[in-house]
Amino acid sequence: MNINQAVEKFKLLFDWTPVSVSYPSPKYMDYSDKGHVLLGYQVRVRYRHHGMREYLFTYDEEKLGMVSQERALNNAIKFYEKTMQKIH
């Protein structure tokens, strides 16, 4: 590998171009004491050079009450729409 090929390969580390994105879906976890619990909303993004990444938009109504379930979903939808605009 020559220096130009090495530089081009290095540049790919910073290229996070999305090629696909999934619409937000609820993410649940089963607990022995609480049962089936909603953790938040998940968005999966596939990047050209970095594979699949999952983003979780959690909510917190019980502890601090800073992020409601509706707000978490809204944040996930905004992220989805913003990512969709980057796909070409």
PDB file of N, CA and C in Angstrom:
ATOM      1  N   MET A   1       0.852  -1.173   0.000  1.00  0.00           N
ATOM      2  CA  MET A   1       0.000   0.000   0.000  1.00  0.00           C
ATOM      3  C   MET A   1       0.897   1.234   0.000  1.00  0.00           C
ATOM      4  N   ASN A   2       0.662   2.124  -0.955  1.00  0.00           N
ATOM      5  CA  ASN A   2       1.458   3.344  -1.004  1.00  0.00           C
ATOM      6  C   ASN A   2       0.832   4.415  -0.118  1.00  0.00           C
ATOM      7  N   ILE A   3       1.478   5.537  -0.028  1.00  0.00           N
ATOM      8  CA  ILE A   3       1.043   6.603   0.885  1.00  0.00           C
ATOM      9  C   ILE A   3      -0.312   7.177   0.485  1.00  0.00           C
ATOM     10  N   ASN A   4      -0.588   7.286  -0.823  1.00  0.00           N
ATOM     11  CA  ASN A   4      -1.874   7.817  -1.267  1.00  0.00           C
ATOM     12  C   ASN A   4      -3.023   6.889  -0.888  1.00  0.00           C
ATOM     13  N   GLN A   5      -2.807   5.597  -1.018  1.00  0.00           N
ATOM     14  CA  GLN A   5      -3.833   4.630  -0.621  1.00  0.00           C
ATOM     15  C   GLN A   5      -4.055   4.671   0.893  1.00  0.00           C
ATOM     16  N   ALA A   6      -2.990   4.828   1.637  1.00  0.00           N
ATOM     17  CA  ALA A   6      -3.095   4.903   3.096  1.00  0.00           C
ATOM     18  C   ALA A   6      -3.864   6.149   3.516  1.00  0.00           C
ATOM     19  N   VAL A   7      -3.601   7.265   2.851  1.00  0.00           N
ATOM     20  CA  VAL A   7      -4.307   8.514   3.165  1.00  0.00           C
ATOM     21  C   VAL A   7      -5.793   8.367   2.844  1.00  0.00           C
ATOM     22  N   GLU A   8      -6.125   7.780   1.704  1.00  0.00           N
ATOM     23  CA  GLU A   8      -7.528   7.581   1.329  1.00  0.00           C
ATOM     24  C   GLU A   8      -8.235   6.665   2.324  1.00  0.00           C
ATOM     25  N   LYS A   9      -7.557   5.623   2.749  1.00  0.00           N
ATOM     26  CA  LYS A   9      -8.140   4.710   3.733  1.00  0.00           C
ATOM     27  C   LYS A   9      -8.349   5.423   5.074  1.00  0.00           C
ATOM     28  N   PHE A  10      -7.413   6.265   5.452  1.00  0.00           N
ATOM     29  CA  PHE A  10      -7.527   7.036   6.685  1.00  0.00           C
ATOM     30  C   PHE A  10      -8.721   7.986   6.622  1.00  0.00           C
ATOM     31  N   LYS A  11      -8.962   8.589   5.474  1.00  0.00           N
ATOM     32  CA  LYS A  11     -10.091   9.513   5.308  1.00  0.00           C
ATOM     33  C   LYS A  11     -11.427   8.820   5.536  1.00  0.00           C
ATOM     34  N   LEU A  12     -11.494   7.533   5.227  1.00  0.00           N
ATOM     35  CA  LEU A  12     -12.742   6.791   5.407  1.00  0.00           C
ATOM     36  C   LEU A  12     -13.158   6.710   6.868  1.00  0.00           C
ATOM     37  N   LEU A  13     -12.198   6.837   7.780  1.00  0.00           N
ATOM     38  CA  LEU A  13     -12.523   6.828   9.209  1.00  0.00           C
ATOM     39  C   LEU A  13     -13.469   7.962   9.577  1.00  0.00           C
ATOM     40  N   PHE A  14     -13.424   9.046   8.811  1.00  0.00           N
ATOM     41  CA  PHE A  14     -14.220  10.235   9.112  1.00  0.00           C
ATOM     42  C   PHE A  14     -15.443  10.360   8.210  1.00  0.00           C
ATOM     43  N   ASP A  15     -15.641   9.395   7.327  1.00  0.00           N
ATOM     44  CA  ASP A  15     -16.775   9.422   6.403  1.00  0.00           C
ATOM     45  C   ASP A  15     -17.931   8.617   6.985  1.00  0.00           C
ATOM     46  N   TRP A  16     -18.869   9.306   7.614  1.00  0.00           N
ATOM     47  CA  TRP A  16     -20.029   8.675   8.230  1.00  0.00           C
ATOM     48  C   TRP A  16     -21.269   8.939   7.382  1.00  0.00           C
ATOM     49  N   THR A  17     -21.178   8.645   6.093  1.00  0.00           N
ATOM     50  CA  THR A  17     -22.287   8.837   5.178  1.00  0.00           C
ATOM     51  C   THR A  17     -23.319   7.721   5.388  1.00  0.00           C
ATOM     52  N   PRO A  18     -24.558   8.095   5.758  1.00  0.00           N
ATOM     53  CA  PRO A  18     -25.579   7.062   5.932  1.00  0.00           C
ATOM     54  C   PRO A  18     -26.101   6.571   4.586  1.00  0.00           C
ATOM     55  N   VAL A  19     -26.397   5.274   4.512  1.00  0.00           N
ATOM     56  CA  VAL A  19     -26.977   4.710   3.289  1.00  0.00           C
ATOM     57  C   VAL A  19     -28.400   4.213   3.529  1.00  0.00           C
ATOM     58  N   SER A  20     -28.770   3.961   4.782  1.00  0.00           N
ATOM     59  CA  SER A  20     -30.150   3.599   5.101  1.00  0.00           C
ATOM     60  C   SER A  20     -30.428   3.922   6.569  1.00  0.00           C
ATOM     61  N   VAL A  21     -31.719   4.110   6.860  1.00  0.00           N
ATOM     62  CA  VAL A  21     -32.135   4.408   8.230  1.00  0.00           C
ATOM     63  C   VAL A  21     -33.516   3.800   8.439  1.00  0.00           C
ATOM     64  N   SER A  22     -33.740   3.257   9.639  1.00  0.00           N
ATOM     65  CA  SER A  22     -35.042   2.678   9.953  1.00  0.00           C
ATOM     66  C   SER A  22     -35.872   3.680  10.747  1.00  0.00           C
ATOM     67  N   TYR A  23     -37.182   3.614  10.539  1.00  0.00           N
ATOM     68  CA  TYR A  23     -38.092   4.467  11.296  1.00  0.00           C
ATOM     69  C   TYR A  23     -38.024   4.052  12.770  1.00  0.00           C
ATOM     70  N   PRO A  24     -38.186   4.987  13.699  1.00  0.00           N
ATOM     71  CA  PRO A  24     -38.101   4.649  15.127  1.00  0.00           C
ATOM     72  C   PRO A  24     -39.074   3.534  15.510  1.00  0.00           C
ATOM     73  N   SER A  25     -38.554   2.596  16.293  1.00  0.00           N
ATOM     74  CA  SER A  25     -39.379   1.499  16.796  1.00  0.00           C
ATOM     75  C   SER A  25     -39.176   1.390  18.302  1.00  0.00           C
ATOM     76  N   PRO A  26     -40.213   0.964  19.020  1.00  0.00           N
ATOM     77  CA  PRO A  26     -40.075   0.832  20.474  1.00  0.00           C
ATOM     78  C   PRO A  26     -39.091  -0.275  20.838  1.00  0.00           C
ATOM     79  N   LYS A  27     -38.329  -0.034  21.877  1.00  0.00           N
ATOM     80  CA  LYS A  27     -37.359  -1.014  22.378  1.00  0.00           C
ATOM     81  C   LYS A  27     -37.788  -1.395  23.792  1.00  0.00           C
ATOM     82  N   TYR A  28     -38.015  -2.677  23.988  1.00  0.00           N
ATOM     83  CA  TYR A  28     -38.467  -3.198  25.276  1.00  0.00           C
ATOM     84  C   TYR A  28     -37.416  -4.107  25.889  1.00  0.00           C
ATOM     85  N   MET A  29     -37.494  -4.245  27.204  1.00  0.00           N
ATOM     86  CA  MET A  29     -36.664  -5.211  27.911  1.00  0.00           C
ATOM     87  C   MET A  29     -37.545  -5.899  28.946  1.00  0.00           C
ATOM     88  N   ASP A  30     -37.309  -7.188  29.108  1.00  0.00           N
ATOM     89  CA  ASP A  30     -38.060  -7.954  30.105  1.00  0.00           C
ATOM     90  C   ASP A  30     -37.257  -8.054  31.392  1.00  0.00           C
ATOM     91  N   TYR A  31     -37.882  -7.652  32.493  1.00  0.00           N
ATOM     92  CA  TYR A  31     -37.276  -7.730  33.815  1.00  0.00           C
ATOM     93  C   TYR A  31     -38.080  -8.698  34.667  1.00  0.00           C
ATOM     94  N   SER A  32     -37.399  -9.403  35.564  1.00  0.00           N
ATOM     95  CA  SER A  32     -38.104 -10.374  36.410  1.00  0.00           C
ATOM     96  C   SER A  32     -39.035  -9.680  37.405  1.00  0.00           C
ATOM     97  N   ASP A  33     -38.674  -8.476  37.853  1.00  0.00           N
ATOM     98  CA  ASP A  33     -39.508  -7.791  38.844  1.00  0.00           C
ATOM     99  C   ASP A  33     -40.513  -6.809  38.241  1.00  0.00           C
ATOM    100  N   LYS A  34     -40.210  -6.244  37.062  1.00  0.00           N
ATOM    101  CA  LYS A  34     -41.090  -5.234  36.463  1.00  0.00           C
ATOM    102  C   LYS A  34     -41.830  -5.727  35.231  1.00  0.00           C
ATOM    103  N   GLY A  35     -41.384  -6.829  34.670  1.00  0.00           N
ATOM    104  CA  GLY A  35     -42.042  -7.349  33.480  1.00  0.00           C
ATOM    105  C   GLY A  35     -41.512  -6.713  32.201  1.00  0.00           C
ATOM    106  N   HIS A  36     -42.392  -6.541  31.225  1.00  0.00           N
ATOM    107  CA  HIS A  36     -42.081  -5.996  29.895  1.00  0.00           C
ATOM    108  C   HIS A  36     -42.051  -4.467  29.980  1.00  0.00           C
ATOM    109  N   VAL A  37     -40.865  -3.857  29.877  1.00  0.00           N
ATOM    110  CA  VAL A  37     -40.704  -2.423  30.100  1.00  0.00           C
ATOM    111  C   VAL A  37     -40.175  -1.737  28.842  1.00  0.00           C
ATOM    112  N   LEU A  38     -40.814  -0.622  28.484  1.00  0.00           N
ATOM    113  CA  LEU A  38     -40.349   0.193  27.368  1.00  0.00           C
ATOM    114  C   LEU A  38     -39.122   0.980  27.791  1.00  0.00           C
ATOM    115  N   LEU A  39     -38.019   0.803  27.059  1.00  0.00           N
ATOM    116  CA  LEU A  39     -36.792   1.550  27.351  1.00  0.00           C
ATOM    117  C   LEU A  39     -36.758   2.875  26.602  1.00  0.00           C
ATOM    118  N   GLY A  40     -37.317   2.884  25.400  1.00  0.00           N
ATOM    119  CA  GLY A  40     -37.298   4.082  24.564  1.00  0.00           C
ATOM    120  C   GLY A  40     -37.555   3.692  23.122  1.00  0.00           C
ATOM    121  N   TYR A  41     -37.039   4.503  22.215  1.00  0.00           N
ATOM    122  CA  TYR A  41     -37.247   4.276  20.785  1.00  0.00           C
ATOM    123  C   TYR A  41     -35.899   4.148  20.085  1.00  0.00           C
ATOM    124  N   GLN A  42     -35.810   3.143  19.238  1.00  0.00           N
ATOM    125  CA  GLN A  42     -34.552   2.803  18.585  1.00  0.00           C
ATOM    126  C   GLN A  42     -34.596   3.158  17.102  1.00  0.00           C
ATOM    127  N   VAL A  43     -33.488   3.729  16.626  1.00  0.00           N
ATOM    128  CA  VAL A  43     -33.314   4.031  15.206  1.00  0.00           C
ATOM    129  C   VAL A  43     -32.019   3.355  14.770  1.00  0.00           C
ATOM    130  N   ARG A  44     -32.090   2.588  13.692  1.00  0.00           N
ATOM    131  CA  ARG A  44     -30.901   1.911  13.154  1.00  0.00           C
ATOM    132  C   ARG A  44     -30.446   2.643  11.904  1.00  0.00           C
ATOM    133  N   VAL A  45     -29.142   2.921  11.853  1.00  0.00           N
ATOM    134  CA  VAL A  45     -28.554   3.600  10.696  1.00  0.00           C
ATOM    135  C   VAL A  45     -27.417   2.745  10.159  1.00  0.00           C
ATOM    136  N   ARG A  46     -27.440   2.508   8.856  1.00  0.00           N
ATOM    137  CA  ARG A  46     -26.330   1.812   8.206  1.00  0.00           C
ATOM    138  C   ARG A  46     -25.481   2.871   7.512  1.00  0.00           C
ATOM    139  N   TYR A  47     -24.185   2.860   7.833  1.00  0.00           N
ATOM    140  CA  TYR A  47     -23.233   3.807   7.255  1.00  0.00           C
ATOM    141  C   TYR A  47     -22.406   3.120   6.173  1.00  0.00           C
ATOM    142  N   ARG A  48     -22.000   3.877   5.187  1.00  0.00           N
ATOM    143  CA  ARG A  48     -21.261   3.345   4.047  1.00  0.00           C
ATOM    144  C   ARG A  48     -20.000   2.602   4.469  1.00  0.00           C
ATOM    145  N   HIS A  49     -19.235   3.172   5.383  1.00  0.00           N
ATOM    146  CA  HIS A  49     -17.940   2.594   5.752  1.00  0.00           C
ATOM    147  C   HIS A  49     -17.879   2.057   7.179  1.00  0.00           C
ATOM    148  N   HIS A  50     -18.962   2.169   7.931  1.00  0.00           N
ATOM    149  CA  HIS A  50     -18.911   1.801   9.349  1.00  0.00           C
ATOM    150  C   HIS A  50     -19.991   0.814   9.767  1.00  0.00           C
ATOM    151  N   GLY A  51     -20.757   0.306   8.827  1.00  0.00           N
ATOM    152  CA  GLY A  51     -21.759  -0.695   9.159  1.00  0.00           C
ATOM    153  C   GLY A  51     -22.967  -0.130   9.883  1.00  0.00           C
ATOM    154  N   MET A  52     -23.655  -0.995  10.600  1.00  0.00           N
ATOM    155  CA  MET A  52     -24.900  -0.650  11.288  1.00  0.00           C
ATOM    156  C   MET A  52     -24.620  -0.108  12.685  1.00  0.00           C
ATOM    157  N   ARG A  53     -25.345   0.968  13.029  1.00  0.00           N
ATOM    158  CA  ARG A  53     -25.294   1.540  14.375  1.00  0.00           C
ATOM    159  C   ARG A  53     -26.732   1.698  14.860  1.00  0.00           C
ATOM    160  N   GLU A  54     -26.941   1.475  16.144  1.00  0.00           N
ATOM    161  CA  GLU A  54     -28.256   1.630  16.741  1.00  0.00           C
ATOM    162  C   GLU A  54     -28.228   2.796  17.721  1.00  0.00           C
ATOM    163  N   TYR A  55     -29.235   3.645  17.625  1.00  0.00           N
ATOM    164  CA  TYR A  55     -29.366   4.799  18.510  1.00  0.00           C
ATOM    165  C   TYR A  55     -30.633   4.625  19.322  1.00  0.00           C
ATOM    166  N   LEU A  56     -30.540   4.787  20.636  1.00  0.00           N
ATOM    167  CA  LEU A  56     -31.683   4.615  21.518  1.00  0.00           C
ATOM    168  C   LEU A  56     -32.033   5.956  22.146  1.00  0.00           C
ATOM    169  N   PHE A  57     -33.278   6.359  21.972  1.00  0.00           N
ATOM    170  CA  PHE A  57     -33.786   7.600  22.548  1.00  0.00           C
ATOM    171  C   PHE A  57     -34.663   7.203  23.735  1.00  0.00           C
ATOM    172  N   THR A  58     -34.091   7.331  24.916  1.00  0.00           N
ATOM    173  CA  THR A  58     -34.763   6.871  26.136  1.00  0.00           C
ATOM    174  C   THR A  58     -35.668   7.948  26.706  1.00  0.00           C
ATOM    175  N   TYR A  59     -36.559   7.517  27.572  1.00  0.00           N
ATOM    176  CA  TYR A  59     -37.397   8.471  28.290  1.00  0.00           C
ATOM    177  C   TYR A  59     -37.236   8.234  29.784  1.00  0.00           C
ATOM    178  N   ASP A  60     -37.610   9.234  30.575  1.00  0.00           N
ATOM    179  CA  ASP A  60     -37.381   9.170  32.017  1.00  0.00           C
ATOM    180  C   ASP A  60     -38.516   9.900  32.727  1.00  0.00           C
ATOM    181  N   GLU A  61     -39.678   9.304  32.743  1.00  0.00           N
ATOM    182  CA  GLU A  61     -40.809   9.941  33.426  1.00  0.00           C
ATOM    183  C   GLU A  61     -40.826   9.619  34.917  1.00  0.00           C
ATOM    184  N   GLU A  62     -40.246   8.481  35.285  1.00  0.00           N
ATOM    185  CA  GLU A  62     -40.356   8.035  36.673  1.00  0.00           C
ATOM    186  C   GLU A  62     -39.335   8.671  37.600  1.00  0.00           C
ATOM    187  N   LYS A  63     -38.097   8.828  37.151  1.00  0.00           N
ATOM    188  CA  LYS A  63     -37.041   9.301  38.055  1.00  0.00           C
ATOM    189  C   LYS A  63     -36.990  10.824  38.115  1.00  0.00           C
ATOM    190  N   LEU A  64     -36.491  11.456  37.063  1.00  0.00           N
ATOM    191  CA  LEU A  64     -36.357  12.908  37.069  1.00  0.00           C
ATOM    192  C   LEU A  64     -37.467  13.603  36.297  1.00  0.00           C
ATOM    193  N   GLY A  65     -38.131  12.868  35.436  1.00  0.00           N
ATOM    194  CA  GLY A  65     -39.227  13.446  34.667  1.00  0.00           C
ATOM    195  C   GLY A  65     -38.790  14.455  33.626  1.00  0.00           C
ATOM    196  N   MET A  66     -37.548  14.340  33.158  1.00  0.00           N
ATOM    197  CA  MET A  66     -37.036  15.341  32.217  1.00  0.00           C
ATOM    198  C   MET A  66     -37.408  15.034  30.767  1.00  0.00           C
ATOM    199  N   VAL A  67     -37.562  13.759  30.426  1.00  0.00           N
ATOM    200  CA  VAL A  67     -37.890  13.379  29.057  1.00  0.00           C
ATOM    201  C   VAL A  67     -39.106  12.461  29.089  1.00  0.00           C
ATOM    202  N   SER A  68     -40.207  12.959  28.554  1.00  0.00           N
ATOM    203  CA  SER A  68     -41.417  12.145  28.512  1.00  0.00           C
ATOM    204  C   SER A  68     -41.316  11.130  27.378  1.00  0.00           C
ATOM    205  N   GLN A  69     -42.211  10.165  27.397  1.00  0.00           N
ATOM    206  CA  GLN A  69     -42.242   9.152  26.349  1.00  0.00           C
ATOM    207  C   GLN A  69     -42.509   9.806  24.986  1.00  0.00           C
ATOM    208  N   GLU A  70     -43.401  10.782  24.957  1.00  0.00           N
ATOM    209  CA  GLU A  70     -43.713  11.484  23.706  1.00  0.00           C
ATOM    210  C   GLU A  70     -42.502  12.266  23.198  1.00  0.00           C
ATOM    211  N   ARG A  71     -41.780  12.864  24.116  1.00  0.00           N
ATOM    212  CA  ARG A  71     -40.589  13.641  23.750  1.00  0.00           C
ATOM    213  C   ARG A  71     -39.498  12.728  23.193  1.00  0.00           C
ATOM    214  N   ALA A  72     -39.323  11.556  23.803  1.00  0.00           N
ATOM    215  CA  ALA A  72     -38.332  10.593  23.318  1.00  0.00           C
ATOM    216  C   ALA A  72     -38.678  10.159  21.898  1.00  0.00           C
ATOM    217  N   LEU A  73     -39.963   9.871  21.646  1.00  0.00           N
ATOM    218  CA  LEU A  73     -40.391   9.491  20.303  1.00  0.00           C
ATOM    219  C   LEU A  73     -40.172  10.643  19.329  1.00  0.00           C
ATOM    220  N   ASN A  74     -40.500  11.846  19.734  1.00  0.00           N
ATOM    221  CA  ASN A  74     -40.312  13.020  18.883  1.00  0.00           C
ATOM    222  C   ASN A  74     -38.827  13.215  18.554  1.00  0.00           C
ATOM    223  N   ASN A  75     -37.949  13.037  19.531  1.00  0.00           N
ATOM    224  CA  ASN A  75     -36.503  13.148  19.298  1.00  0.00           C
ATOM    225  C   ASN A  75     -36.030  12.092  18.309  1.00  0.00           C
ATOM    226  N   ALA A  76     -36.546  10.876  18.445  1.00  0.00           N
ATOM    227  CA  ALA A  76     -36.177   9.793  17.535  1.00  0.00           C
ATOM    228  C   ALA A  76     -36.652  10.092  16.115  1.00  0.00           C
ATOM    229  N   ILE A  77     -37.853  10.617  15.974  1.00  0.00           N
ATOM    230  CA  ILE A  77     -38.388  10.957  14.647  1.00  0.00           C
ATOM    231  C   ILE A  77     -37.568  12.078  14.011  1.00  0.00           C
ATOM    232  N   LYS A  78     -37.209  13.078  14.785  1.00  0.00           N
ATOM    233  CA  LYS A  78     -36.383  14.177  14.253  1.00  0.00           C
ATOM    234  C   LYS A  78     -35.025  13.654  13.779  1.00  0.00           C
ATOM    235  N   PHE A  79     -34.425  12.757  14.554  1.00  0.00           N
ATOM    236  CA  PHE A  79     -33.148  12.170  14.161  1.00  0.00           C
ATOM    237  C   PHE A  79     -33.310  11.371  12.871  1.00  0.00           C
ATOM    238  N   TYR A  80     -34.382  10.593  12.784  1.00  0.00           N
ATOM    239  CA  TYR A  80     -34.676   9.815  11.575  1.00  0.00           C
ATOM    240  C   TYR A  80     -34.800  10.742  10.362  1.00  0.00           C
ATOM    241  N   GLU A  81     -35.583  11.808  10.488  1.00  0.00           N
ATOM    242  CA  GLU A  81     -35.796  12.731   9.368  1.00  0.00           C
ATOM    243  C   GLU A  81     -34.503  13.431   8.964  1.00  0.00           C
ATOM    244  N   LYS A  82     -33.714  13.833   9.943  1.00  0.00           N
ATOM    245  CA  LYS A  82     -32.437  14.497   9.654  1.00  0.00           C
ATOM    246  C   LYS A  82     -31.475  13.548   8.936  1.00  0.00           C
ATOM    247  N   THR A  83     -31.462  12.287   9.381  1.00  0.00           N
ATOM    248  CA  THR A  83     -30.595  11.292   8.741  1.00  0.00           C
ATOM    249  C   THR A  83     -31.075  10.989   7.321  1.00  0.00           C
ATOM    250  N   MET A  84     -32.397  10.913   7.121  1.00  0.00           N
ATOM    251  CA  MET A  84     -32.952  10.652   5.794  1.00  0.00           C
ATOM    252  C   MET A  84     -32.511  11.731   4.798  1.00  0.00           C
ATOM    253  N   GLN A  85     -32.404  12.964   5.244  1.00  0.00           N
ATOM    254  CA  GLN A  85     -31.979  14.063   4.364  1.00  0.00           C
ATOM    255  C   GLN A  85     -30.537  13.902   3.904  1.00  0.00           C
ATOM    256  N   LYS A  86     -29.732  13.183   4.665  1.00  0.00           N
ATOM    257  CA  LYS A  86     -28.314  12.984   4.317  1.00  0.00           C
ATOM    258  C   LYS A  86     -28.098  11.839   3.338  1.00  0.00           C
ATOM    259  N   ILE A  87     -29.132  11.025   3.128  1.00  0.00           N
ATOM    260  CA  ILE A  87     -29.006   9.889   2.228  1.00  0.00           C
ATOM    261  C   ILE A  87     -29.216  10.359   0.799  1.00  0.00           C
ATOM    262  N   HIS A  88     -28.274  10.017  -0.080  1.00  0.00           N
ATOM    263  CA  HIS A  88     -28.405  10.401  -1.498  1.00  0.00           C
ATOM    264  C   HIS A  88     -27.997   9.302  -2.399  1.00  0.00           C
TER     265      HIS A  88
END
